[in-house]
Amino acid sequence: MDHIIADQLPDGDETDRIIAAEFEQLRESALFTRSPVLSRLLQFLVEHRLRGGRSAPKAYAIATEALGRSADFDPAVDSYPRVMVGRLRTLLDRYYAETPWIHRLRVPQGSYEIVVQHRSAPPARSAADAEGDMVVELAPKTDTGVAGVASSHHKRDAGISTRSGYARRVAALLFVLLAAAAGWWTYANWGRMGGATPVPTPLLEVGVPQAGETPVSRALARALDGRLRDGFRRFELVDLRSAEANGASAAAPQPDYRLDVLLVRDLDGPADVTLVLNRVADQRTIWSQQFHLEKEQMPEFAPVDTAIAQIAGDYGVIVRDQVQRH
């Protein structure tokens, strides 16, 4: 997709200029840098708007042009665009919760359109105030014979205009505050009003690697556990359950998936690492893989990085399983 920047836009459309400028800041943020698929999806929605698309893009276009699905994609049976737009909506909320903003980008619930949300602005200057200023300025320019009469009339009219202008400003301010409160309530409760339910980020539990009882085996198991956890933390579409929560009290959140790890080491150095991913709800194994590692590949365990990406990546096993189930 081509990249549009704010300086390339016509001068007349301030909203489009705001969208382009906000997109530049979002795509350079750490949250979107770590999630290239959601960054590409945001770019597609922004460019659709800036190129004149005044209606929301279709799910088919999002899937094939932004999310890499093939031309035979059927939005009637595959909810992948809706799920990914929901995750984009969550990531935008997370970014703006941590960043001060005057105007922000958001995707309304139940829509695929990118819009600008503004904070409340002070009321505009009323026409009555401008007319009152004009009356006061014209008084000194009258002829001497009628200056006293004109001045008294102008002062009285100016006093009435000032009080009237003040009342209008107060009324305008109250209207803006009420409109802002109504807009915020609608935004906060849109999901319940429209019957939509947000898709929570799945929680993954990494089991303690099972290894031998020798000091070398235990040390390798700790190194493998650290490699797995550091790798999973780089992905935004999966939340990692902390090591302290594993086996903790019932009050701790229950994971959606569990990764069991087995390390079998030969005495002469090589080892086999087996990873088994289970869906906790029905205790069903949905993915497994085994690696054969030579002695020089330990304790770094670099080959397991490919398995981490297969499990927690943007097109990984967990995301695909979530799409099928929701």
C-alpha atoms as a PDB file:
ATOM      1  CA  MET A   1       0.000   0.000   0.000  1.00  0.00           C
ATOM      2  CA  ASP A   2       1.176   3.502  -0.789  1.00  0.00           C
ATOM      3  CA  HIS A   3       1.970   5.761   2.131  1.00  0.00           C
ATOM      4  CA  ILE A   4       0.212   9.133   2.501  1.00  0.00           C
ATOM      5  CA  ILE A   5       1.627  11.873   4.714  1.00  0.00           C
ATOM      6  CA  ALA A   6      -0.102  14.975   6.042  1.00  0.00           C
ATOM      7  CA  ASP A   7       1.821  17.440   3.832  1.00  0.00           C
ATOM      8  CA  GLN A   8       0.496  15.748   0.686  1.00  0.00           C
ATOM      9  CA  LEU A   9      -3.169  16.480   1.542  1.00  0.00           C
ATOM     10  CA  PRO A  10      -5.218  19.431   0.230  1.00  0.00           C
ATOM     11  CA  ASP A  11      -5.405  22.416   2.535  1.00  0.00           C
ATOM     12  CA  GLY A  12      -9.187  22.320   2.839  1.00  0.00           C
ATOM     13  CA  ASP A  13      -9.766  19.111   4.808  1.00  0.00           C
ATOM     14  CA  GLU A  14      -8.489  19.552   8.348  1.00  0.00           C
ATOM     15  CA  THR A  15      -9.983  16.225   9.497  1.00  0.00           C
ATOM     16  CA  ASP A  16      -7.972  14.288   6.922  1.00  0.00           C
ATOM     17  CA  ARG A  17      -4.855  16.176   7.964  1.00  0.00           C
ATOM     18  CA  ILE A  18      -5.461  15.181  11.594  1.00  0.00           C
ATOM     19  CA  ILE A  19      -5.961  11.531  10.572  1.00  0.00           C
ATOM     20  CA  ALA A  20      -2.693  11.496   8.600  1.00  0.00           C
ATOM     21  CA  ALA A  21      -0.721  13.173  11.413  1.00  0.00           C
ATOM     22  CA  GLU A  22      -2.124  10.850  14.092  1.00  0.00           C
ATOM     23  CA  PHE A  23      -1.364   7.813  11.935  1.00  0.00           C
ATOM     24  CA  GLU A  24       2.297   8.885  11.646  1.00  0.00           C
ATOM     25  CA  GLN A  25       2.588   8.957  15.448  1.00  0.00           C
ATOM     26  CA  LEU A  26       0.771   5.644  15.884  1.00  0.00           C
ATOM     27  CA  ARG A  27       2.841   3.694  13.346  1.00  0.00           C
ATOM     28  CA  GLU A  28       6.068   4.871  15.014  1.00  0.00           C
ATOM     29  CA  SER A  29       4.901   3.921  18.528  1.00  0.00           C
ATOM     30  CA  ALA A  30       6.231   0.829  20.277  1.00  0.00           C
ATOM     31  CA  LEU A  31       2.760  -0.777  20.461  1.00  0.00           C
ATOM     32  CA  PHE A  32       2.243  -0.761  16.692  1.00  0.00           C
ATOM     33  CA  THR A  33       5.892  -1.511  15.879  1.00  0.00           C
ATOM     34  CA  ARG A  34       5.512  -4.787  17.789  1.00  0.00           C
ATOM     35  CA  SER A  35       2.296  -5.652  15.903  1.00  0.00           C
ATOM     36  CA  PRO A  36       2.965  -5.299  12.153  1.00  0.00           C
ATOM     37  CA  VAL A  37      -0.332  -6.847  11.059  1.00  0.00           C
ATOM     38  CA  LEU A  38      -2.414  -4.398  13.122  1.00  0.00           C
ATOM     39  CA  SER A  39      -0.196  -1.551  11.914  1.00  0.00           C
ATOM     40  CA  ARG A  40      -0.846  -2.610   8.310  1.00  0.00           C
ATOM     41  CA  LEU A  41      -4.580  -2.860   9.017  1.00  0.00           C
ATOM     42  CA  LEU A  42      -4.588   0.670  10.492  1.00  0.00           C
ATOM     43  CA  GLN A  43      -2.706   1.953   7.446  1.00  0.00           C
ATOM     44  CA  PHE A  44      -5.287   0.384   5.130  1.00  0.00           C
ATOM     45  CA  LEU A  45      -8.217   2.012   6.990  1.00  0.00           C
ATOM     46  CA  VAL A  46      -6.450   5.396   7.069  1.00  0.00           C
ATOM     47  CA  GLU A  47      -5.534   5.321   3.372  1.00  0.00           C
ATOM     48  CA  HIS A  48      -9.064   4.247   2.457  1.00  0.00           C
ATOM     49  CA  ARG A  49     -10.364   7.364   4.222  1.00  0.00           C
ATOM     50  CA  LEU A  50      -7.717   9.743   2.862  1.00  0.00           C
ATOM     51  CA  ARG A  51      -8.224   8.565  -0.733  1.00  0.00           C
ATOM     52  CA  GLY A  52     -11.866   9.600  -0.620  1.00  0.00           C
ATOM     53  CA  GLY A  53     -13.626   6.539   0.773  1.00  0.00           C
ATOM     54  CA  ARG A  54     -16.409   8.189   2.768  1.00  0.00           C
ATOM     55  CA  SER A  55     -18.048   4.871   3.636  1.00  0.00           C
ATOM     56  CA  ALA A  56     -16.471   2.062   5.655  1.00  0.00           C
ATOM     57  CA  PRO A  57     -14.459  -0.528   3.679  1.00  0.00           C
ATOM     58  CA  LYS A  58     -15.928  -3.977   3.227  1.00  0.00           C
ATOM     59  CA  ALA A  59     -14.761  -7.011   5.181  1.00  0.00           C
ATOM     60  CA  TYR A  60     -13.610  -8.692   1.947  1.00  0.00           C
ATOM     61  CA  ALA A  61     -11.355  -5.760   1.025  1.00  0.00           C
ATOM     62  CA  ILE A  62      -9.891  -5.692   4.540  1.00  0.00           C
ATOM     63  CA  ALA A  63      -9.168  -9.413   4.469  1.00  0.00           C
ATOM     64  CA  THR A  64      -7.619  -9.559   0.987  1.00  0.00           C
ATOM     65  CA  GLU A  65      -5.836  -6.192   0.822  1.00  0.00           C
ATOM     66  CA  ALA A  66      -4.793  -5.583   4.428  1.00  0.00           C
ATOM     67  CA  LEU A  67      -4.683  -8.998   6.117  1.00  0.00           C
ATOM     68  CA  GLY A  68      -3.193 -11.098   3.328  1.00  0.00           C
ATOM     69  CA  ARG A  69      -6.111 -13.469   2.721  1.00  0.00           C
ATOM     70  CA  SER A  70      -6.557 -15.049  -0.717  1.00  0.00           C
ATOM     71  CA  ALA A  71      -9.119 -13.968  -3.310  1.00  0.00           C
ATOM     72  CA  ASP A  72     -11.454 -16.841  -2.415  1.00  0.00           C
ATOM     73  CA  PHE A  73     -11.973 -15.434   1.099  1.00  0.00           C
ATOM     74  CA  ASP A  74     -15.636 -15.582   2.171  1.00  0.00           C
ATOM     75  CA  PRO A  75     -16.566 -12.992   4.862  1.00  0.00           C
ATOM     76  CA  ALA A  76     -19.886 -14.763   5.420  1.00  0.00           C
ATOM     77  CA  VAL A  77     -18.170 -17.762   7.027  1.00  0.00           C
ATOM     78  CA  ASP A  78     -14.844 -16.298   8.234  1.00  0.00           C
ATOM     79  CA  SER A  79     -14.883 -13.601  10.944  1.00  0.00           C
ATOM     80  CA  TYR A  80     -11.137 -12.886  10.759  1.00  0.00           C
ATOM     81  CA  PRO A  81     -11.551  -9.197   9.672  1.00  0.00           C
ATOM     82  CA  ARG A  82     -13.995  -8.509  12.521  1.00  0.00           C
ATOM     83  CA  VAL A  83     -11.693 -10.115  15.080  1.00  0.00           C
ATOM     84  CA  MET A  84      -8.632  -8.199  13.863  1.00  0.00           C
ATOM     85  CA  VAL A  85     -10.490  -4.876  13.748  1.00  0.00           C
ATOM     86  CA  GLY A  86     -11.608  -5.562  17.325  1.00  0.00           C
ATOM     87  CA  ARG A  87      -7.969  -6.100  18.323  1.00  0.00           C
ATOM     88  CA  LEU A  88      -7.023  -2.868  16.506  1.00  0.00           C
ATOM     89  CA  ARG A  89      -9.755  -1.044  18.443  1.00  0.00           C
ATOM     90  CA  THR A  90      -8.319  -2.394  21.708  1.00  0.00           C
ATOM     91  CA  LEU A  91      -4.759  -1.409  20.741  1.00  0.00           C
ATOM     92  CA  LEU A  92      -5.866   2.152  19.868  1.00  0.00           C
ATOM     93  CA  ASP A  93      -7.601   2.477  23.246  1.00  0.00           C
ATOM     94  CA  ARG A  94      -4.473   1.209  24.970  1.00  0.00           C
ATOM     95  CA  TYR A  95      -2.249   3.712  23.112  1.00  0.00           C
ATOM     96  CA  TYR A  96      -4.418   6.738  23.875  1.00  0.00           C
ATOM     97  CA  ALA A  97      -4.847   5.679  27.497  1.00  0.00           C
ATOM     98  CA  GLU A  98      -1.083   6.123  27.882  1.00  0.00           C
ATOM     99  CA  THR A  99      -0.698   9.217  25.628  1.00  0.00           C
ATOM    100  CA  PRO A 100      -2.180  12.723  26.199  1.00  0.00           C
ATOM    101  CA  TRP A 101      -4.377  13.709  23.261  1.00  0.00           C
ATOM    102  CA  ILE A 102      -6.503  16.545  21.905  1.00  0.00           C
ATOM    103  CA  HIS A 103      -7.926  14.461  19.087  1.00  0.00           C
ATOM    104  CA  ARG A 104      -7.545  10.730  18.558  1.00  0.00           C
ATOM    105  CA  LEU A 105      -8.314   8.037  16.009  1.00  0.00           C
ATOM    106  CA  ARG A 106     -10.827   5.317  16.762  1.00  0.00           C
ATOM    107  CA  VAL A 107     -12.884   2.665  15.009  1.00  0.00           C
ATOM    108  CA  PRO A 108     -16.503   2.795  16.283  1.00  0.00           C
ATOM    109  CA  GLN A 109     -17.942  -0.449  17.594  1.00  0.00           C
ATOM    110  CA  GLY A 110     -19.657  -2.373  14.799  1.00  0.00           C
ATOM    111  CA  SER A 111     -17.897  -0.382  12.042  1.00  0.00           C
ATOM    112  CA  TYR A 112     -14.726  -0.626   9.958  1.00  0.00           C
ATOM    113  CA  GLU A 113     -14.420   3.146   9.427  1.00  0.00           C
ATOM    114  CA  ILE A 114     -11.612   5.242  10.922  1.00  0.00           C
ATOM    115  CA  VAL A 115     -12.905   8.451  12.571  1.00  0.00           C
ATOM    116  CA  VAL A 116     -11.528  11.358  14.617  1.00  0.00           C
ATOM    117  CA  GLN A 117     -12.693  11.940  18.187  1.00  0.00           C
ATOM    118  CA  HIS A 118     -12.087  15.453  19.585  1.00  0.00           C
ATOM    119  CA  ARG A 119     -11.904  16.575  23.170  1.00  0.00           C
ATOM    120  CA  SER A 120     -14.419  19.327  24.175  1.00  0.00           C
ATOM    121  CA  ALA A 121     -13.514  22.754  22.719  1.00  0.00           C
ATOM    122  CA  PRO A 122     -14.420  26.203  24.159  1.00  0.00           C
ATOM    123  CA  PRO A 123     -17.577  27.803  22.648  1.00  0.00           C
ATOM    124  CA  ALA A 124     -17.159  29.963  19.548  1.00  0.00           C
ATOM    125  CA  ARG A 125     -17.549  33.752  19.668  1.00  0.00           C
ATOM    126  CA  SER A 126     -21.218  34.662  19.133  1.00  0.00           C
ATOM    127  CA  ALA A 127     -22.517  37.086  16.487  1.00  0.00           C
ATOM    128  CA  ALA A 128     -24.240  39.192  19.197  1.00  0.00           C
ATOM    129  CA  ASP A 129     -20.853  39.911  20.824  1.00  0.00           C
ATOM    130  CA  ALA A 130     -19.422  41.091  17.517  1.00  0.00           C
ATOM    131  CA  GLU A 131     -22.430  43.377  16.923  1.00  0.00           C
ATOM    132  CA  GLY A 132     -22.091  44.859  20.427  1.00  0.00           C
ATOM    133  CA  ASP A 133     -18.432  45.671  19.804  1.00  0.00           C
ATOM    134  CA  MET A 134     -19.358  47.328  16.511  1.00  0.00           C
ATOM    135  CA  VAL A 135     -21.961  49.574  18.216  1.00  0.00           C
ATOM    136  CA  VAL A 136     -19.485  50.739  20.853  1.00  0.00           C
ATOM    137  CA  GLU A 137     -16.824  51.514  18.248  1.00  0.00           C
ATOM    138  CA  LEU A 138     -19.232  53.578  16.094  1.00  0.00           C
ATOM    139  CA  ALA A 139     -20.355  55.920  18.923  1.00  0.00           C
ATOM    140  CA  PRO A 140     -17.307  58.264  18.975  1.00  0.00           C
ATOM    141  CA  LYS A 141     -17.593  58.784  15.194  1.00  0.00           C
ATOM    142  CA  THR A 142     -21.046  60.549  15.364  1.00  0.00           C
ATOM    143  CA  ASP A 143     -21.495  64.307  14.948  1.00  0.00           C
ATOM    144  CA  THR A 144     -21.059  66.591  18.002  1.00  0.00           C
ATOM    145  CA  GLY A 145     -24.723  67.605  18.101  1.00  0.00           C
ATOM    146  CA  VAL A 146     -25.973  64.078  18.703  1.00  0.00           C
ATOM    147  CA  ALA A 147     -22.927  62.605  20.412  1.00  0.00           C
ATOM    148  CA  GLY A 148     -24.437  62.715  23.916  1.00  0.00           C
ATOM    149  CA  VAL A 149     -27.692  61.036  22.883  1.00  0.00           C
ATOM    150  CA  ALA A 150     -25.941  58.497  20.713  1.00  0.00           C
ATOM    151  CA  SER A 151     -23.445  57.742  23.484  1.00  0.00           C
ATOM    152  CA  SER A 152     -26.169  57.063  26.059  1.00  0.00           C
ATOM    153  CA  HIS A 153     -28.080  54.826  23.658  1.00  0.00           C
ATOM    154  CA  HIS A 154     -24.909  53.015  22.708  1.00  0.00           C
ATOM    155  CA  LYS A 155     -23.864  52.463  26.313  1.00  0.00           C
ATOM    156  CA  ARG A 156     -27.292  51.099  27.189  1.00  0.00           C
ATOM    157  CA  ASP A 157     -27.311  48.847  24.106  1.00  0.00           C
ATOM    158  CA  ALA A 158     -23.754  47.748  24.845  1.00  0.00           C
ATOM    159  CA  GLY A 159     -24.748  46.792  28.396  1.00  0.00           C
ATOM    160  CA  ILE A 160     -27.692  44.757  27.113  1.00  0.00           C
ATOM    161  CA  SER A 161     -25.508  43.127  24.450  1.00  0.00           C
ATOM    162  CA  THR A 162     -22.840  42.270  27.036  1.00  0.00           C
ATOM    163  CA  ARG A 163     -25.368  40.576  29.334  1.00  0.00           C
ATOM    164  CA  SER A 164     -26.967  38.816  26.375  1.00  0.00           C
ATOM    165  CA  GLY A 165     -23.580  37.674  25.082  1.00  0.00           C
ATOM    166  CA  TYR A 166     -22.585  36.370  28.508  1.00  0.00           C
ATOM    167  CA  ALA A 167     -25.831  34.386  28.755  1.00  0.00           C
ATOM    168  CA  ARG A 168     -25.273  32.946  25.294  1.00  0.00           C
ATOM    169  CA  ARG A 169     -21.709  31.923  26.186  1.00  0.00           C
ATOM    170  CA  VAL A 170     -22.919  30.181  29.351  1.00  0.00           C
ATOM    171  CA  ALA A 171     -25.651  28.400  27.407  1.00  0.00           C
ATOM    172  CA  ALA A 172     -23.181  27.352  24.700  1.00  0.00           C
ATOM    173  CA  LEU A 173     -20.744  26.033  27.308  1.00  0.00           C
ATOM    174  CA  LEU A 174     -23.495  24.004  29.014  1.00  0.00           C
ATOM    175  CA  PHE A 175     -24.544  22.610  25.635  1.00  0.00           C
ATOM    176  CA  VAL A 176     -20.983  21.555  24.817  1.00  0.00           C
ATOM    177  CA  LEU A 177     -20.584  19.878  28.216  1.00  0.00           C
ATOM    178  CA  LEU A 178     -23.879  18.001  27.833  1.00  0.00           C
ATOM    179  CA  ALA A 179     -22.984  16.925  24.298  1.00  0.00           C
ATOM    180  CA  ALA A 180     -19.565  15.715  25.473  1.00  0.00           C
ATOM    181  CA  ALA A 181     -21.131  13.757  28.351  1.00  0.00           C
ATOM    182  CA  ALA A 182     -23.693  12.201  26.007  1.00  0.00           C
ATOM    183  CA  GLY A 183     -20.991  11.320  23.490  1.00  0.00           C
ATOM    184  CA  TRP A 184     -18.792   9.729  26.148  1.00  0.00           C
ATOM    185  CA  TRP A 185     -21.708   7.707  27.552  1.00  0.00           C
ATOM    186  CA  THR A 186     -22.613   6.496  24.053  1.00  0.00           C
ATOM    187  CA  TYR A 187     -18.986   5.535  23.362  1.00  0.00           C
ATOM    188  CA  ALA A 188     -18.620   3.704  26.686  1.00  0.00           C
ATOM    189  CA  ASN A 189     -21.903   1.797  26.308  1.00  0.00           C
ATOM    190  CA  TRP A 190     -21.944   1.238  22.543  1.00  0.00           C
ATOM    191  CA  GLY A 191     -20.969  -2.398  22.892  1.00  0.00           C
ATOM    192  CA  ARG A 192     -23.915  -3.159  25.174  1.00  0.00           C
ATOM    193  CA  MET A 193     -26.311  -1.089  23.023  1.00  0.00           C
ATOM    194  CA  GLY A 194     -25.279  -2.842  19.821  1.00  0.00           C
ATOM    195  CA  GLY A 195     -25.114  -6.291  21.375  1.00  0.00           C
ATOM    196  CA  ALA A 196     -21.402  -6.642  20.499  1.00  0.00           C
ATOM    197  CA  THR A 197     -19.013  -8.326  22.886  1.00  0.00           C
ATOM    198  CA  PRO A 198     -15.279  -7.551  22.856  1.00  0.00           C
ATOM    199  CA  VAL A 199     -12.886 -10.389  22.158  1.00  0.00           C
ATOM    200  CA  PRO A 200     -10.467 -10.672  25.121  1.00  0.00           C
ATOM    201  CA  THR A 201      -6.795 -11.328  24.529  1.00  0.00           C
ATOM    202  CA  PRO A 202      -6.157 -15.047  25.135  1.00  0.00           C
ATOM    203  CA  LEU A 203      -4.061 -15.989  28.157  1.00  0.00           C
ATOM    204  CA  LEU A 204      -1.224 -18.483  27.682  1.00  0.00           C
ATOM    205  CA  GLU A 205       0.402 -20.492  30.465  1.00  0.00           C
ATOM    206  CA  VAL A 206       3.874 -21.901  29.869  1.00  0.00           C
ATOM    207  CA  GLY A 207       4.453 -25.005  31.936  1.00  0.00           C
ATOM    208  CA  VAL A 208       7.741 -25.581  33.728  1.00  0.00           C
ATOM    209  CA  PRO A 209       9.956 -27.624  31.369  1.00  0.00           C
ATOM    210  CA  GLN A 210      10.155 -31.261  32.415  1.00  0.00           C
ATOM    211  CA  ALA A 211      13.794 -32.399  32.456  1.00  0.00           C
ATOM    212  CA  GLY A 212      16.099 -34.662  34.361  1.00  0.00           C
ATOM    213  CA  GLU A 213      17.156 -34.244  37.977  1.00  0.00           C
ATOM    214  CA  THR A 214      20.840 -33.592  37.315  1.00  0.00           C
ATOM    215  CA  PRO A 215      22.157 -30.047  37.874  1.00  0.00           C
ATOM    216  CA  VAL A 216      22.901 -29.681  34.144  1.00  0.00           C
ATOM    217  CA  SER A 217      19.362 -30.721  33.159  1.00  0.00           C
ATOM    218  CA  ARG A 218      17.783 -28.341  35.668  1.00  0.00           C
ATOM    219  CA  ALA A 219      19.965 -25.470  34.430  1.00  0.00           C
ATOM    220  CA  LEU A 220      19.019 -26.183  30.815  1.00  0.00           C
ATOM    221  CA  ALA A 221      15.336 -26.329  31.795  1.00  0.00           C
ATOM    222  CA  ARG A 222      15.574 -22.869  33.393  1.00  0.00           C
ATOM    223  CA  ALA A 223      17.308 -21.475  30.292  1.00  0.00           C
ATOM    224  CA  LEU A 224      14.636 -22.947  28.007  1.00  0.00           C
ATOM    225  CA  ASP A 225      11.842 -21.543  30.189  1.00  0.00           C
ATOM    226  CA  GLY A 226      13.403 -18.070  30.040  1.00  0.00           C
ATOM    227  CA  ARG A 227      13.798 -18.260  26.258  1.00  0.00           C
ATOM    228  CA  LEU A 228      10.150 -19.204  25.797  1.00  0.00           C
ATOM    229  CA  ARG A 229       8.809 -16.485  28.108  1.00  0.00           C
ATOM    230  CA  ASP A 230      10.979 -13.738  26.609  1.00  0.00           C
ATOM    231  CA  GLY A 231       9.833 -14.771  23.146  1.00  0.00           C
ATOM    232  CA  PHE A 232       6.109 -14.787  23.945  1.00  0.00           C
ATOM    233  CA  ARG A 233       6.298 -11.342  25.566  1.00  0.00           C
ATOM    234  CA  ARG A 234       7.196  -9.838  22.172  1.00  0.00           C
ATOM    235  CA  PHE A 235       3.740 -10.609  20.762  1.00  0.00           C
ATOM    236  CA  GLU A 236       0.722  -8.379  21.470  1.00  0.00           C
ATOM    237  CA  LEU A 237      -2.052 -10.822  20.509  1.00  0.00           C
ATOM    238  CA  VAL A 238      -1.330 -13.216  23.390  1.00  0.00           C
ATOM    239  CA  ASP A 239      -1.046 -12.438  27.109  1.00  0.00           C
ATOM    240  CA  LEU A 240       1.488 -14.519  29.024  1.00  0.00           C
ATOM    241  CA  ARG A 241       0.533 -15.801  32.435  1.00  0.00           C
ATOM    242  CA  SER A 242       3.286 -14.986  34.904  1.00  0.00           C
ATOM    243  CA  ALA A 243       5.444 -17.742  36.313  1.00  0.00           C
ATOM    244  CA  GLU A 244       4.267 -16.822  39.835  1.00  0.00           C
ATOM    245  CA  ALA A 245       0.632 -17.421  38.837  1.00  0.00           C
ATOM    246  CA  ASN A 246       1.306 -20.962  37.607  1.00  0.00           C
ATOM    247  CA  GLY A 247      -0.152 -23.280  40.175  1.00  0.00           C
ATOM    248  CA  ALA A 248      -1.286 -20.360  42.352  1.00  0.00           C
ATOM    249  CA  SER A 249      -4.605 -19.901  44.097  1.00  0.00           C
ATOM    250  CA  ALA A 250      -7.968 -20.291  42.413  1.00  0.00           C
ATOM    251  CA  ALA A 251      -8.337 -16.487  42.406  1.00  0.00           C
ATOM    252  CA  ALA A 252      -5.707 -16.197  39.658  1.00  0.00           C
ATOM    253  CA  PRO A 253      -7.138 -15.911  36.116  1.00  0.00           C
ATOM    254  CA  GLN A 254      -7.451 -19.243  34.381  1.00  0.00           C
ATOM    255  CA  PRO A 255      -5.449 -19.581  31.147  1.00  0.00           C
ATOM    256  CA  ASP A 256      -7.039 -20.228  27.766  1.00  0.00           C
ATOM    257  CA  TYR A 257      -4.057 -22.251  26.514  1.00  0.00           C
ATOM    258  CA  ARG A 258      -1.240 -24.216  28.127  1.00  0.00           C
ATOM    259  CA  LEU A 259       2.131 -25.033  26.603  1.00  0.00           C
ATOM    260  CA  ASP A 260       3.748 -28.196  27.990  1.00  0.00           C
ATOM    261  CA  VAL A 261       7.503 -28.482  27.535  1.00  0.00           C
ATOM    262  CA  LEU A 262       9.622 -31.645  27.673  1.00  0.00           C
ATOM    263  CA  LEU A 263      13.439 -31.637  27.545  1.00  0.00           C
ATOM    264  CA  VAL A 264      15.196 -34.993  27.034  1.00  0.00           C
ATOM    265  CA  ARG A 265      18.980 -34.758  27.105  1.00  0.00           C
ATOM    266  CA  ASP A 266      21.490 -37.418  26.104  1.00  0.00           C
ATOM    267  CA  LEU A 267      24.544 -37.900  28.247  1.00  0.00           C
ATOM    268  CA  ASP A 268      26.866 -36.933  25.380  1.00  0.00           C
ATOM    269  CA  GLY A 269      25.194 -33.527  24.882  1.00  0.00           C
ATOM    270  CA  PRO A 270      22.362 -33.470  22.247  1.00  0.00           C
ATOM    271  CA  ALA A 271      18.789 -32.988  23.427  1.00  0.00           C
ATOM    272  CA  ASP A 272      15.218 -33.202  22.149  1.00  0.00           C
ATOM    273  CA  VAL A 273      12.708 -30.461  23.006  1.00  0.00           C
ATOM    274  CA  THR A 274       9.006 -31.259  22.630  1.00  0.00           C
ATOM    275  CA  LEU A 275       6.371 -28.487  22.753  1.00  0.00           C
ATOM    276  CA  VAL A 276       2.670 -29.375  23.103  1.00  0.00           C
ATOM    277  CA  LEU A 277      -0.025 -26.643  22.994  1.00  0.00           C
ATOM    278  CA  ASN A 278      -3.358 -27.540  24.640  1.00  0.00           C
ATOM    279  CA  ARG A 279      -6.670 -25.689  24.724  1.00  0.00           C
ATOM    280  CA  VAL A 280      -7.580 -25.600  28.421  1.00  0.00           C
ATOM    281  CA  ALA A 281     -11.371 -25.456  27.925  1.00  0.00           C
ATOM    282  CA  ASP A 282     -11.577 -28.969  26.491  1.00  0.00           C
ATOM    283  CA  GLN A 283      -8.017 -30.248  27.231  1.00  0.00           C
ATOM    284  CA  ARG A 284      -7.482 -30.755  23.523  1.00  0.00           C
ATOM    285  CA  THR A 285      -4.042 -30.672  21.888  1.00  0.00           C
ATOM    286  CA  ILE A 286      -4.147 -28.241  18.964  1.00  0.00           C
ATOM    287  CA  TRP A 287      -0.428 -28.099  18.059  1.00  0.00           C
ATOM    288  CA  SER A 288       2.851 -29.883  18.820  1.00  0.00           C
ATOM    289  CA  GLN A 289       6.411 -29.881  17.548  1.00  0.00           C
ATOM    290  CA  GLN A 290       9.741 -31.521  18.417  1.00  0.00           C
ATOM    291  CA  PHE A 291      13.235 -30.070  17.989  1.00  0.00           C
ATOM    292  CA  HIS A 292      16.553 -31.913  17.991  1.00  0.00           C
ATOM    293  CA  LEU A 293      19.286 -29.647  19.357  1.00  0.00           C
ATOM    294  CA  GLU A 294      23.016 -30.181  19.272  1.00  0.00           C
ATOM    295  CA  LYS A 295      25.193 -29.418  22.266  1.00  0.00           C
ATOM    296  CA  GLU A 296      26.426 -26.103  20.818  1.00  0.00           C
ATOM    297  CA  GLN A 297      22.832 -24.858  20.432  1.00  0.00           C
ATOM    298  CA  MET A 298      22.336 -24.921  24.202  1.00  0.00           C
ATOM    299  CA  PRO A 299      21.683 -23.077  26.470  1.00  0.00           C
ATOM    300  CA  GLU A 300      20.577 -20.429  23.910  1.00  0.00           C
ATOM    301  CA  PHE A 301      17.806 -22.640  22.398  1.00  0.00           C
ATOM    302  CA  ALA A 302      17.531 -20.293  19.390  1.00  0.00           C
ATOM    303  CA  PRO A 303      15.628 -22.815  17.187  1.00  0.00           C
ATOM    304  CA  VAL A 304      12.543 -22.589  19.437  1.00  0.00           C
ATOM    305  CA  ASP A 305      11.989 -18.975  18.271  1.00  0.00           C
ATOM    306  CA  THR A 306      10.273 -20.295  15.141  1.00  0.00           C
ATOM    307  CA  ALA A 307       7.844 -22.273  17.303  1.00  0.00           C
ATOM    308  CA  ILE A 308       7.108 -19.180  19.414  1.00  0.00           C
ATOM    309  CA  ALA A 309       6.150 -17.244  16.270  1.00  0.00           C
ATOM    310  CA  GLN A 310       4.012 -20.138  15.033  1.00  0.00           C
ATOM    311  CA  ILE A 311       2.084 -20.153  18.314  1.00  0.00           C
ATOM    312  CA  ALA A 312       1.690 -16.440  19.177  1.00  0.00           C
ATOM    313  CA  GLY A 313       2.253 -14.593  15.880  1.00  0.00           C
ATOM    314  CA  ASP A 314      -0.332 -12.529  14.002  1.00  0.00           C
ATOM    315  CA  TYR A 315      -1.220 -15.592  11.899  1.00  0.00           C
ATOM    316  CA  GLY A 316      -0.309 -18.063  14.642  1.00  0.00           C
ATOM    317  CA  VAL A 317      -2.050 -21.113  16.004  1.00  0.00           C
ATOM    318  CA  ILE A 318      -3.741 -19.256  18.876  1.00  0.00           C
ATOM    319  CA  VAL A 319      -5.095 -16.437  16.677  1.00  0.00           C
ATOM    320  CA  ARG A 320      -6.494 -18.908  14.141  1.00  0.00           C
ATOM    321  CA  ASP A 321      -8.085 -20.962  16.921  1.00  0.00           C
ATOM    322  CA  GLN A 322      -9.658 -17.798  18.386  1.00  0.00           C
ATOM    323  CA  VAL A 323     -11.064 -16.817  14.988  1.00  0.00           C
ATOM    324  CA  GLN A 324     -12.630 -20.243  14.482  1.00  0.00           C
ATOM    325  CA  ARG A 325     -14.197 -20.242  17.946  1.00  0.00           C
ATOM    326  CA  HIS A 326     -15.575 -16.663  17.812  1.00  0.00           C
END
